[in-house]
C-alpha atoms as a PDB file:
ATOM      1  CA  UNK A   1     110.501  74.098 124.860  1.00  0.00           C
ATOM      2  CA  UNK A   2     110.415  77.721 123.730  1.00  0.00           C
ATOM      3  CA  UNK A   3     112.803  79.155 126.328  1.00  0.00           C
ATOM      4  CA  UNK A   4     115.602  77.482 128.299  1.00  0.00           C
ATOM      5  CA  UNK A   5     115.439  76.698 131.956  1.00  0.00           C
ATOM      6  CA  UNK A   6     117.608  79.183 133.831  1.00  0.00           C
ATOM      7  CA  UNK A   7     119.452  77.353 136.571  1.00  0.00           C
ATOM      8  CA  UNK A   8     120.688  80.568 138.209  1.00  0.00           C
ATOM      9  CA  UNK A   9     119.313  84.074 138.161  1.00  0.00           C
ATOM     10  CA  UNK A  10     120.997  86.413 135.744  1.00  0.00           C
ATOM     11  CA  UNK A  11     123.212  89.424 135.502  1.00  0.00           C
ATOM     12  CA  UNK A  12     124.310  91.114 132.320  1.00  0.00           C
ATOM     13  CA  UNK A  13     127.922  90.962 133.497  1.00  0.00           C
ATOM     14  CA  UNK A  14     128.001  87.210 133.989  1.00  0.00           C
ATOM     15  CA  UNK A  15     129.221  84.834 131.277  1.00  0.00           C
ATOM     16  CA  UNK A  16     126.217  82.868 130.089  1.00  0.00           C
ATOM     17  CA  UNK A  17     126.631  79.108 129.706  1.00  0.00           C
ATOM     18  CA  UNK A  18     124.294  76.631 128.058  1.00  0.00           C
ATOM     19  CA  UNK A  19     124.053  73.027 129.262  1.00  0.00           C
ATOM     20  CA  UNK A  20     122.980  70.750 126.405  1.00  0.00           C
ATOM     21  CA  UNK A  21     121.751  67.251 127.178  1.00  0.00           C
ATOM     22  CA  UNK A  22     120.853  65.393 130.364  1.00  0.00           C
ATOM     23  CA  UNK A  23     121.340  67.501 133.489  1.00  0.00           C
ATOM     24  CA  UNK A  24     124.091  65.854 135.509  1.00  0.00           C
ATOM     25  CA  UNK A  25     123.759  66.052 139.324  1.00  0.00           C
ATOM     26  CA  UNK A  26     126.914  68.058 140.015  1.00  0.00           C
ATOM     27  CA  UNK A  27     125.883  70.726 137.535  1.00  0.00           C
ATOM     28  CA  UNK A  28     123.089  71.821 139.872  1.00  0.00           C
ATOM     29  CA  UNK A  29     125.636  73.164 142.350  1.00  0.00           C
ATOM     30  CA  UNK A  30     128.958  73.086 140.550  1.00  0.00           C
ATOM     31  CA  UNK A  31     128.897  76.492 138.865  1.00  0.00           C
ATOM     32  CA  UNK A  32     129.746  79.591 140.890  1.00  0.00           C
ATOM     33  CA  UNK A  33     127.424  82.572 141.151  1.00  0.00           C
ATOM     34  CA  UNK A  34     129.567  84.413 138.618  1.00  0.00           C
ATOM     35  CA  UNK A  35     127.859  82.405 135.835  1.00  0.00           C
ATOM     36  CA  UNK A  36     124.363  82.457 134.420  1.00  0.00           C
ATOM     37  CA  UNK A  37     123.472  78.916 133.356  1.00  0.00           C
ATOM     38  CA  UNK A  38     120.698  77.894 130.947  1.00  0.00           C
ATOM     39  CA  UNK A  39     119.695  74.406 129.882  1.00  0.00           C
ATOM     40  CA  UNK A  40     118.263  72.688 126.825  1.00  0.00           C
ATOM     41  CA  UNK A  41     117.601  68.979 126.509  1.00  0.00           C
ATOM     42  CA  UNK A  42     118.112  68.521 122.755  1.00  0.00           C
ATOM     43  CA  UNK A  43     119.463  70.208 119.626  1.00  0.00           C
ATOM     44  CA  UNK A  44     115.843  70.884 118.638  1.00  0.00           C
ATOM     45  CA  UNK A  45     115.364  72.864 121.852  1.00  0.00           C
ATOM     46  CA  UNK A  46     118.508  74.827 121.035  1.00  0.00           C
ATOM     47  CA  UNK A  47     116.976  75.899 117.744  1.00  0.00           C
ATOM     48  CA  UNK A  48     113.884  77.161 119.549  1.00  0.00           C
ATOM     49  CA  UNK A  49     115.789  79.646 121.673  1.00  0.00           C
ATOM     50  CA  UNK A  50     115.532  83.282 120.698  1.00  0.00           C
ATOM     51  CA  UNK A  51     118.366  84.654 118.558  1.00  0.00           C
ATOM     52  CA  UNK A  52     119.005  87.294 121.223  1.00  0.00           C
ATOM     53  CA  UNK A  53     119.531  84.694 123.941  1.00  0.00           C
ATOM     54  CA  UNK A  54     121.660  82.478 121.686  1.00  0.00           C
ATOM     55  CA  UNK A  55     123.890  85.440 120.929  1.00  0.00           C
ATOM     56  CA  UNK A  56     124.674  85.788 124.647  1.00  0.00           C
ATOM     57  CA  UNK A  57     125.862  82.198 125.100  1.00  0.00           C
ATOM     58  CA  UNK A  58     129.666  82.067 125.460  1.00  0.00           C
ATOM     59  CA  UNK A  59     130.142  78.567 126.849  1.00  0.00           C
ATOM     60  CA  UNK A  60     128.511  75.216 126.034  1.00  0.00           C
ATOM     61  CA  UNK A  61     128.577  72.160 128.299  1.00  0.00           C
ATOM     62  CA  UNK A  62     127.766  68.939 126.414  1.00  0.00           C
ATOM     63  CA  UNK A  63     126.719  66.395 129.018  1.00  0.00           C
ATOM     64  CA  UNK A  64     126.517  63.134 127.043  1.00  0.00           C
ATOM     65  CA  UNK A  65     128.344  61.607 124.086  1.00  0.00           C
ATOM     66  CA  UNK A  66     125.051  61.215 122.185  1.00  0.00           C
ATOM     67  CA  UNK A  67     124.351  64.966 122.293  1.00  0.00           C
ATOM     68  CA  UNK A  68     125.009  66.386 118.832  1.00  0.00           C
ATOM     69  CA  UNK A  69     127.230  69.444 118.695  1.00  0.00           C
ATOM     70  CA  UNK A  70     127.716  69.505 114.940  1.00  0.00           C
ATOM     71  CA  UNK A  71     128.143  72.514 112.705  1.00  0.00           C
ATOM     72  CA  UNK A  72     124.384  73.213 112.626  1.00  0.00           C
ATOM     73  CA  UNK A  73     124.127  73.352 116.412  1.00  0.00           C
ATOM     74  CA  UNK A  74     127.332  75.336 116.916  1.00  0.00           C
ATOM     75  CA  UNK A  75     126.386  77.849 114.231  1.00  0.00           C
ATOM     76  CA  UNK A  76     123.329  78.792 116.300  1.00  0.00           C
ATOM     77  CA  UNK A  77     125.655  80.235 118.971  1.00  0.00           C
ATOM     78  CA  UNK A  78     127.522  83.046 117.179  1.00  0.00           C
ATOM     79  CA  UNK A  79     129.530  84.209 120.211  1.00  0.00           C
ATOM     80  CA  UNK A  80     130.476  80.780 121.509  1.00  0.00           C
ATOM     81  CA  UNK A  81     134.026  80.562 122.864  1.00  0.00           C
ATOM     82  CA  UNK A  82     134.289  77.093 124.411  1.00  0.00           C
ATOM     83  CA  UNK A  83     132.600  73.681 124.272  1.00  0.00           C
ATOM     84  CA  UNK A  84     133.250  71.595 127.378  1.00  0.00           C
ATOM     85  CA  UNK A  85     132.353  67.992 126.576  1.00  0.00           C
ATOM     86  CA  UNK A  86     131.635  65.193 129.035  1.00  0.00           C
ATOM     87  CA  UNK A  87     133.629  62.073 128.111  1.00  0.00           C
ATOM     88  CA  UNK A  88     136.986  61.282 126.589  1.00  0.00           C
ATOM     89  CA  UNK A  89     135.496  60.776 123.109  1.00  0.00           C
ATOM     90  CA  UNK A  90     134.235  63.821 121.249  1.00  0.00           C
ATOM     91  CA  UNK A  91     133.218  62.513 117.835  1.00  0.00           C
ATOM     92  CA  UNK A  92     129.802  64.105 118.461  1.00  0.00           C
ATOM     93  CA  UNK A  93     131.412  67.557 118.208  1.00  0.00           C
ATOM     94  CA  UNK A  94     132.393  69.152 114.913  1.00  0.00           C
ATOM     95  CA  UNK A  95     135.960  70.131 115.769  1.00  0.00           C
ATOM     96  CA  UNK A  96     136.617  71.373 112.233  1.00  0.00           C
ATOM     97  CA  UNK A  97     133.821  73.909 112.570  1.00  0.00           C
ATOM     98  CA  UNK A  98     135.047  74.806 116.059  1.00  0.00           C
ATOM     99  CA  UNK A  99     138.608  75.375 114.865  1.00  0.00           C
ATOM    100  CA  UNK A 100     137.444  77.476 111.928  1.00  0.00           C
ATOM    101  CA  UNK A 101     135.388  79.664 114.273  1.00  0.00           C
ATOM    102  CA  UNK A 102     138.011  79.951 117.025  1.00  0.00           C
ATOM    103  CA  UNK A 103     136.039  77.806 119.479  1.00  0.00           C
ATOM    104  CA  UNK A 104     138.015  75.748 121.976  1.00  0.00           C
ATOM    105  CA  UNK A 105     136.783  72.196 122.659  1.00  0.00           C
ATOM    106  CA  UNK A 106     137.642  70.312 125.843  1.00  0.00           C
ATOM    107  CA  UNK A 107     137.007  66.730 126.954  1.00  0.00           C
ATOM    108  CA  UNK A 108     137.505  64.739 130.166  1.00  0.00           C
ATOM    109  CA  UNK A 109     140.547  62.477 129.748  1.00  0.00           C
ATOM    110  CA  UNK A 110     142.680  60.948 132.510  1.00  0.00           C
ATOM    111  CA  UNK A 111     139.970  60.926 135.193  1.00  0.00           C
ATOM    112  CA  UNK A 112     138.312  57.912 133.532  1.00  0.00           C
ATOM    113  CA  UNK A 113     141.409  56.110 132.255  1.00  0.00           C
ATOM    114  CA  UNK A 114     141.811  53.570 135.030  1.00  0.00           C
ATOM    115  CA  UNK A 115     138.065  52.919 135.341  1.00  0.00           C
ATOM    116  CA  UNK A 116     137.664  52.076 131.651  1.00  0.00           C
ATOM    117  CA  UNK A 117     140.816  49.952 131.712  1.00  0.00           C
ATOM    118  CA  UNK A 118     139.369  48.005 134.659  1.00  0.00           C
ATOM    119  CA  UNK A 119     136.211  47.331 132.684  1.00  0.00           C
ATOM    120  CA  UNK A 120     138.158  46.280 129.588  1.00  0.00           C
ATOM    121  CA  UNK A 121     140.126  43.672 131.509  1.00  0.00           C
ATOM    122  CA  UNK A 122     137.076  42.507 133.454  1.00  0.00           C
ATOM    123  CA  UNK A 123     135.095  42.158 130.231  1.00  0.00           C
ATOM    124  CA  UNK A 124     137.917  40.137 128.683  1.00  0.00           C
ATOM    125  CA  UNK A 125     138.099  37.742 131.637  1.00  0.00           C
ATOM    126  CA  UNK A 126     134.309  37.457 131.896  1.00  0.00           C
ATOM    127  CA  UNK A 127     134.132  36.574 128.210  1.00  0.00           C
ATOM    128  CA  UNK A 128     136.965  34.043 128.241  1.00  0.00           C
ATOM    129  CA  UNK A 129     135.943  32.329 131.483  1.00  0.00           C
ATOM    130  CA  UNK A 130     132.180  32.470 130.798  1.00  0.00           C
ATOM    131  CA  UNK A 131     131.337  34.254 134.045  1.00  0.00           C
ATOM    132  CA  UNK A 132     127.838  35.315 132.972  1.00  0.00           C
ATOM    133  CA  UNK A 133     126.894  31.784 131.932  1.00  0.00           C
ATOM    134  CA  UNK A 134     128.432  30.397 135.139  1.00  0.00           C
ATOM    135  CA  UNK A 135     126.418  32.860 137.231  1.00  0.00           C
ATOM    136  CA  UNK A 136     123.225  31.722 135.482  1.00  0.00           C
ATOM    137  CA  UNK A 137     124.272  28.094 136.112  1.00  0.00           C
ATOM    138  CA  UNK A 138     124.335  28.748 139.868  1.00  0.00           C
ATOM    139  CA  UNK A 139     121.187  30.889 140.022  1.00  0.00           C
ATOM    140  CA  UNK A 140     119.141  28.391 138.007  1.00  0.00           C
ATOM    141  CA  UNK A 141     119.981  25.532 140.377  1.00  0.00           C
ATOM    142  CA  UNK A 142     121.897  23.510 137.776  1.00  0.00           C
ATOM    143  CA  UNK A 143     124.921  23.126 140.054  1.00  0.00           C
ATOM    144  CA  UNK A 144     122.978  20.532 142.048  1.00  0.00           C
ATOM    145  CA  UNK A 145     122.960  18.347 138.949  1.00  0.00           C
ATOM    146  CA  UNK A 146     126.697  18.506 138.286  1.00  0.00           C
ATOM    147  CA  UNK A 147     129.701  20.769 137.942  1.00  0.00           C
ATOM    148  CA  UNK A 148     129.958  23.579 135.420  1.00  0.00           C
ATOM    149  CA  UNK A 149     131.896  22.469 132.304  1.00  0.00           C
ATOM    150  CA  UNK A 150     135.459  23.652 131.860  1.00  0.00           C
ATOM    151  CA  UNK A 151     135.696  26.972 130.057  1.00  0.00           C
ATOM    152  CA  UNK A 152     137.320  26.790 126.662  1.00  0.00           C
ATOM    153  CA  UNK A 153     138.861  30.209 127.164  1.00  0.00           C
ATOM    154  CA  UNK A 154     141.612  31.382 129.490  1.00  0.00           C
ATOM    155  CA  UNK A 155     144.033  34.273 129.770  1.00  0.00           C
ATOM    156  CA  UNK A 156     146.827  31.778 130.210  1.00  0.00           C
ATOM    157  CA  UNK A 157     147.222  30.894 126.533  1.00  0.00           C
ATOM    158  CA  UNK A 158     146.383  34.253 124.996  1.00  0.00           C
ATOM    159  CA  UNK A 159     148.217  36.986 123.107  1.00  0.00           C
ATOM    160  CA  UNK A 160     146.410  40.316 123.099  1.00  0.00           C
ATOM    161  CA  UNK A 161     146.501  42.937 120.390  1.00  0.00           C
ATOM    162  CA  UNK A 162     145.380  46.390 121.443  1.00  0.00           C
ATOM    163  CA  UNK A 163     143.735  48.498 118.762  1.00  0.00           C
ATOM    164  CA  UNK A 164     144.822  51.912 120.000  1.00  0.00           C
ATOM    165  CA  UNK A 165     147.570  52.774 122.479  1.00  0.00           C
ATOM    166  CA  UNK A 166     146.504  56.037 124.047  1.00  0.00           C
ATOM    167  CA  UNK A 167     146.012  56.657 127.756  1.00  0.00           C
ATOM    168  CA  UNK A 168     143.432  53.904 128.200  1.00  0.00           C
ATOM    169  CA  UNK A 169     145.256  51.466 125.935  1.00  0.00           C
ATOM    170  CA  UNK A 170     148.415  51.867 127.988  1.00  0.00           C
ATOM    171  CA  UNK A 171     146.447  51.358 131.209  1.00  0.00           C
ATOM    172  CA  UNK A 172     144.988  48.124 129.777  1.00  0.00           C
ATOM    173  CA  UNK A 173     148.480  47.020 128.749  1.00  0.00           C
ATOM    174  CA  UNK A 174     149.754  47.540 132.302  1.00  0.00           C
ATOM    175  CA  UNK A 175     147.021  45.289 133.630  1.00  0.00           C
ATOM    176  CA  UNK A 176     147.832  42.607 131.077  1.00  0.00           C
ATOM    177  CA  UNK A 177     151.517  42.890 132.007  1.00  0.00           C
ATOM    178  CA  UNK A 178     150.581  42.171 135.608  1.00  0.00           C
ATOM    179  CA  UNK A 179     148.590  39.153 134.428  1.00  0.00           C
ATOM    180  CA  UNK A 180     151.657  38.007 132.416  1.00  0.00           C
ATOM    181  CA  UNK A 181     149.804  38.159 129.121  1.00  0.00           C
ATOM    182  CA  UNK A 182     151.813  39.095 125.996  1.00  0.00           C
ATOM    183  CA  UNK A 183     150.738  42.413 124.450  1.00  0.00           C
ATOM    184  CA  UNK A 184     151.221  44.009 121.030  1.00  0.00           C
ATOM    185  CA  UNK A 185     149.398  46.952 119.507  1.00  0.00           C
ATOM    186  CA  UNK A 186     148.194  48.668 116.358  1.00  0.00           C
ATOM    187  CA  UNK A 187     148.110  52.444 116.087  1.00  0.00           C
ATOM    188  CA  UNK A 188     148.662  54.970 113.335  1.00  0.00           C
ATOM    189  CA  UNK A 189     152.043  55.825 114.835  1.00  0.00           C
ATOM    190  CA  UNK A 190     154.425  53.975 117.109  1.00  0.00           C
ATOM    191  CA  UNK A 191     154.379  55.285 120.677  1.00  0.00           C
ATOM    192  CA  UNK A 192     157.874  56.155 121.823  1.00  0.00           C
ATOM    193  CA  UNK A 193     159.161  54.528 124.985  1.00  0.00           C
ATOM    194  CA  UNK A 194     156.829  51.533 125.018  1.00  0.00           C
ATOM    195  CA  UNK A 195     158.229  48.024 125.073  1.00  0.00           C
ATOM    196  CA  UNK A 196     155.367  46.494 123.105  1.00  0.00           C
ATOM    197  CA  UNK A 197     155.636  45.565 119.454  1.00  0.00           C
ATOM    198  CA  UNK A 198     153.907  48.005 117.149  1.00  0.00           C
ATOM    199  CA  UNK A 199     152.024  46.733 114.098  1.00  0.00           C
ATOM    200  CA  UNK A 200     151.389  49.499 111.545  1.00  0.00           C
ATOM    201  CA  UNK A 201     149.076  47.085 109.696  1.00  0.00           C
ATOM    202  CA  UNK A 202     145.920  45.998 111.526  1.00  0.00           C
ATOM    203  CA  UNK A 203     145.454  42.840 109.457  1.00  0.00           C
ATOM    204  CA  UNK A 204     149.033  41.841 110.205  1.00  0.00           C
ATOM    205  CA  UNK A 205     148.412  42.212 113.928  1.00  0.00           C
ATOM    206  CA  UNK A 206     145.151  40.268 113.693  1.00  0.00           C
ATOM    207  CA  UNK A 207     147.037  37.333 112.198  1.00  0.00           C
ATOM    208  CA  UNK A 208     149.611  37.510 115.023  1.00  0.00           C
ATOM    209  CA  UNK A 209     147.175  37.479 117.980  1.00  0.00           C
ATOM    210  CA  UNK A 210     144.063  35.627 119.093  1.00  0.00           C
ATOM    211  CA  UNK A 211     142.523  38.431 121.156  1.00  0.00           C
ATOM    212  CA  UNK A 212     141.754  42.045 120.299  1.00  0.00           C
ATOM    213  CA  UNK A 213     140.780  44.865 122.629  1.00  0.00           C
ATOM    214  CA  UNK A 214     139.484  47.926 120.787  1.00  0.00           C
ATOM    215  CA  UNK A 215     140.076  51.291 122.452  1.00  0.00           C
ATOM    216  CA  UNK A 216     140.237  54.009 119.789  1.00  0.00           C
ATOM    217  CA  UNK A 217     138.181  57.175 119.275  1.00  0.00           C
ATOM    218  CA  UNK A 218     135.009  57.057 117.227  1.00  0.00           C
ATOM    219  CA  UNK A 219     134.391  59.105 114.112  1.00  0.00           C
ATOM    220  CA  UNK A 220     134.900  58.809 110.383  1.00  0.00           C
ATOM    221  CA  UNK A 221     138.572  57.806 110.629  1.00  0.00           C
ATOM    222  CA  UNK A 222     137.761  54.645 112.603  1.00  0.00           C
ATOM    223  CA  UNK A 223     134.303  53.796 111.231  1.00  0.00           C
ATOM    224  CA  UNK A 224     134.119  49.989 110.748  1.00  0.00           C
ATOM    225  CA  UNK A 225     137.841  49.687 111.358  1.00  0.00           C
ATOM    226  CA  UNK A 226     137.075  46.168 112.604  1.00  0.00           C
ATOM    227  CA  UNK A 227     135.653  44.704 109.408  1.00  0.00           C
ATOM    228  CA  UNK A 228     135.163  41.192 107.969  1.00  0.00           C
ATOM    229  CA  UNK A 229     138.802  40.970 106.877  1.00  0.00           C
ATOM    230  CA  UNK A 230     140.084  41.802 110.348  1.00  0.00           C
ATOM    231  CA  UNK A 231     137.738  39.297 111.977  1.00  0.00           C
ATOM    232  CA  UNK A 232     138.774  36.583 109.521  1.00  0.00           C
ATOM    233  CA  UNK A 233     142.439  37.286 110.267  1.00  0.00           C
ATOM    234  CA  UNK A 234     141.767  37.051 113.999  1.00  0.00           C
ATOM    235  CA  UNK A 235     140.728  33.448 113.458  1.00  0.00           C
ATOM    236  CA  UNK A 236     138.551  30.773 115.002  1.00  0.00           C
ATOM    237  CA  UNK A 237     140.072  31.196 118.502  1.00  0.00           C
ATOM    238  CA  UNK A 238     139.613  34.912 118.221  1.00  0.00           C
ATOM    239  CA  UNK A 239     137.999  37.009 120.919  1.00  0.00           C
ATOM    240  CA  UNK A 240     136.999  40.635 120.324  1.00  0.00           C
ATOM    241  CA  UNK A 241     136.531  43.115 123.166  1.00  0.00           C
ATOM    242  CA  UNK A 242     135.143  46.576 122.349  1.00  0.00           C
ATOM    243  CA  UNK A 243     135.190  49.373 124.917  1.00  0.00           C
ATOM    244  CA  UNK A 244     135.637  52.152 122.331  1.00  0.00           C
ATOM    245  CA  UNK A 245     132.655  53.179 120.201  1.00  0.00           C
ATOM    246  CA  UNK A 246     130.107  50.935 118.545  1.00  0.00           C
ATOM    247  CA  UNK A 247     130.859  52.558 115.202  1.00  0.00           C
ATOM    248  CA  UNK A 248     134.406  51.160 115.200  1.00  0.00           C
ATOM    249  CA  UNK A 249     133.133  47.594 114.689  1.00  0.00           C
ATOM    250  CA  UNK A 250     131.093  46.471 111.704  1.00  0.00           C
ATOM    251  CA  UNK A 251     128.295  45.020 113.832  1.00  0.00           C
ATOM    252  CA  UNK A 252     126.732  43.023 110.992  1.00  0.00           C
ATOM    253  CA  UNK A 253     130.090  41.478 110.156  1.00  0.00           C
ATOM    254  CA  UNK A 254     130.652  40.654 113.823  1.00  0.00           C
ATOM    255  CA  UNK A 255     127.324  38.836 114.069  1.00  0.00           C
ATOM    256  CA  UNK A 256     128.149  36.809 110.967  1.00  0.00           C
ATOM    257  CA  UNK A 257     131.647  35.991 112.235  1.00  0.00           C
ATOM    258  CA  UNK A 258     130.231  34.738 115.535  1.00  0.00           C
ATOM    259  CA  UNK A 259     127.533  32.702 113.788  1.00  0.00           C
ATOM    260  CA  UNK A 260     130.013  31.159 111.359  1.00  0.00           C
ATOM    261  CA  UNK A 261     132.568  30.617 114.153  1.00  0.00           C
ATOM    262  CA  UNK A 262     135.049  32.729 112.222  1.00  0.00           C
ATOM    263  CA  UNK A 263     135.834  34.015 115.705  1.00  0.00           C
ATOM    264  CA  UNK A 264     135.077  32.392 119.045  1.00  0.00           C
ATOM    265  CA  UNK A 265     133.506  35.070 121.253  1.00  0.00           C
ATOM    266  CA  UNK A 266     133.044  38.775 121.920  1.00  0.00           C
ATOM    267  CA  UNK A 267     132.677  41.100 124.886  1.00  0.00           C
ATOM    268  CA  UNK A 268     130.959  44.401 124.076  1.00  0.00           C
ATOM    269  CA  UNK A 269     130.362  47.522 126.142  1.00  0.00           C
ATOM    270  CA  UNK A 270     129.367  49.655 123.145  1.00  0.00           C
ATOM    271  CA  UNK A 271     127.046  49.254 120.167  1.00  0.00           C
ATOM    272  CA  UNK A 272     126.296  50.909 116.853  1.00  0.00           C
ATOM    273  CA  UNK A 273     122.818  52.255 117.708  1.00  0.00           C
ATOM    274  CA  UNK A 274     122.687  52.468 121.493  1.00  0.00           C
ATOM    275  CA  UNK A 275     120.600  51.619 123.384  1.00  0.00           C
ATOM    276  CA  UNK A 276     119.407  49.263 120.647  1.00  0.00           C
ATOM    277  CA  UNK A 277     121.346  45.988 120.641  1.00  0.00           C
ATOM    278  CA  UNK A 278     120.738  43.542 117.789  1.00  0.00           C
ATOM    279  CA  UNK A 279     118.617  40.560 118.761  1.00  0.00           C
ATOM    280  CA  UNK A 280     121.230  38.304 117.177  1.00  0.00           C
ATOM    281  CA  UNK A 281     123.830  39.445 119.705  1.00  0.00           C
ATOM    282  CA  UNK A 282     121.411  39.233 122.640  1.00  0.00           C
ATOM    283  CA  UNK A 283     120.608  35.634 121.723  1.00  0.00           C
ATOM    284  CA  UNK A 284     124.218  34.448 121.595  1.00  0.00           C
ATOM    285  CA  UNK A 285     125.714  32.658 124.591  1.00  0.00           C
ATOM    286  CA  UNK A 286     129.293  33.374 123.545  1.00  0.00           C
ATOM    287  CA  UNK A 287     128.843  37.145 123.803  1.00  0.00           C
ATOM    288  CA  UNK A 288     129.026  39.224 126.995  1.00  0.00           C
ATOM    289  CA  UNK A 289     127.018  42.454 126.736  1.00  0.00           C
ATOM    290  CA  UNK A 290     127.343  45.533 128.940  1.00  0.00           C
ATOM    291  CA  UNK A 291     125.247  48.739 128.715  1.00  0.00           C
ATOM    292  CA  UNK A 292     128.120  51.169 127.977  1.00  0.00           C
ATOM    293  CA  UNK A 293     129.366  51.313 131.571  1.00  0.00           C
ATOM    294  CA  UNK A 294     133.088  51.745 130.963  1.00  0.00           C
ATOM    295  CA  UNK A 295     133.302  54.871 133.133  1.00  0.00           C
ATOM    296  CA  UNK A 296     129.996  54.421 134.945  1.00  0.00           C
ATOM    297  CA  UNK A 297     130.898  54.522 138.607  1.00  0.00           C
ATOM    298  CA  UNK A 298     129.838  57.323 140.937  1.00  0.00           C
ATOM    299  CA  UNK A 299     133.426  58.326 141.721  1.00  0.00           C
ATOM    300  CA  UNK A 300     134.550  58.492 138.087  1.00  0.00           C
ATOM    301  CA  UNK A 301     131.454  60.157 136.660  1.00  0.00           C
ATOM    302  CA  UNK A 302     131.649  62.780 139.433  1.00  0.00           C
ATOM    303  CA  UNK A 303     135.277  63.469 138.504  1.00  0.00           C
ATOM    304  CA  UNK A 304     134.254  63.812 134.839  1.00  0.00           C
ATOM    305  CA  UNK A 305     131.452  66.222 135.767  1.00  0.00           C
ATOM    306  CA  UNK A 306     133.897  68.287 137.799  1.00  0.00           C
ATOM    307  CA  UNK A 307     136.381  68.470 134.932  1.00  0.00           C
ATOM    308  CA  UNK A 308     133.668  69.815 132.593  1.00  0.00           C
ATOM    309  CA  UNK A 309     132.931  72.536 135.144  1.00  0.00           C
ATOM    310  CA  UNK A 310     136.610  73.242 135.848  1.00  0.00           C
ATOM    311  CA  UNK A 311     137.371  73.722 132.142  1.00  0.00           C
ATOM    312  CA  UNK A 312     134.644  76.347 131.915  1.00  0.00           C
ATOM    313  CA  UNK A 313     135.743  78.022 135.149  1.00  0.00           C
ATOM    314  CA  UNK A 314     139.339  78.216 133.959  1.00  0.00           C
ATOM    315  CA  UNK A 315     138.389  79.673 130.593  1.00  0.00           C
ATOM    316  CA  UNK A 316     136.166  82.418 131.958  1.00  0.00           C
ATOM    317  CA  UNK A 317     138.719  83.244 134.641  1.00  0.00           C
ATOM    318  CA  UNK A 318     141.044  84.191 131.793  1.00  0.00           C
ATOM    319  CA  UNK A 319     143.173  81.035 131.942  1.00  0.00           C
ATOM    320  CA  UNK A 320     143.731  78.260 129.386  1.00  0.00           C
ATOM    321  CA  UNK A 321     141.331  75.326 129.701  1.00  0.00           C
ATOM    322  CA  UNK A 322     142.656  72.304 131.545  1.00  0.00           C
ATOM    323  CA  UNK A 323     142.107  69.636 128.873  1.00  0.00           C
ATOM    324  CA  UNK A 324     141.703  71.075 125.375  1.00  0.00           C
ATOM    325  CA  UNK A 325     141.514  68.607 122.493  1.00  0.00           C
ATOM    326  CA  UNK A 326     144.347  68.778 119.952  1.00  0.00           C
ATOM    327  CA  UNK A 327     142.107  69.680 117.021  1.00  0.00           C
ATOM    328  CA  UNK A 328     141.179  73.108 118.401  1.00  0.00           C
ATOM    329  CA  UNK A 329     143.720  75.810 119.185  1.00  0.00           C
ATOM    330  CA  UNK A 330     143.854  77.628 122.500  1.00  0.00           C
ATOM    331  CA  UNK A 331     143.979  81.348 122.013  1.00  0.00           C
ATOM    332  CA  UNK A 332     146.405  83.386 124.077  1.00  0.00           C
ATOM    333  CA  UNK A 333     144.495  84.449 127.151  1.00  0.00           C
END
């Protein structure tokens, strides 16, 4: 589209904000009249805007983790001050470029922590206890012919290794504590004040546990962190749960490990090329598949939307943003 859709009528004195990506419901009414809001659906649309309009954009709201805000996109907005991103992960945003050009980046942590942790634990239990297969057993009428076979998996004889121990990892650990499941973790650095054993070496932790829950950021630093060696170390009883990013797991290696019974099962909420899920995974009965719904409840997504808006409101009111990411500095206001 040659020009953006203006959501509110303009004034030269108003900060102009660009919404990039799917228009989220709260954004229709969430910005005050002191802003002029434009919208583009894709990075291609951004490039079609006039240079004069792009020069007026001071704030960017990125509404989905698949929306690219790399150096090419950000360089099109020469007077950009802040990128407010929807989601806790922000590997779709070039924070190095932002830092170099004095652009603050924010995300939406905390408000989704408990929701994603709920899904991680539910996905683990559903995978171990075969809930999806059991549901199909009832719906297909097979129960009339006999009882469902005992599940091979259970939380009761498991030791869980968390890959990542940030906000969400700690929330998952609390839930496992309540379920009386032993927990250890791998992270680049030991987290002070936690009572869980820290493994600086991921392979070492994989040998020590039979279950892994992956909850680390995406990006180059974690690309294919879960590789064939890690899966082999996890072992034939191994269960892998991924609620992080699809890029963190070598998907081809995972398929081969499941086929060869190098590991036992997997529960996945994220995939390498969403929404495309490999046919091999879709055909496996020992894999539980979710359509990236870790934070996807009305209450949590509304809170995330509001935090995007509140970061922009704070910034243009002359205050620091509420949740800046550590890679970008916050200028003195």
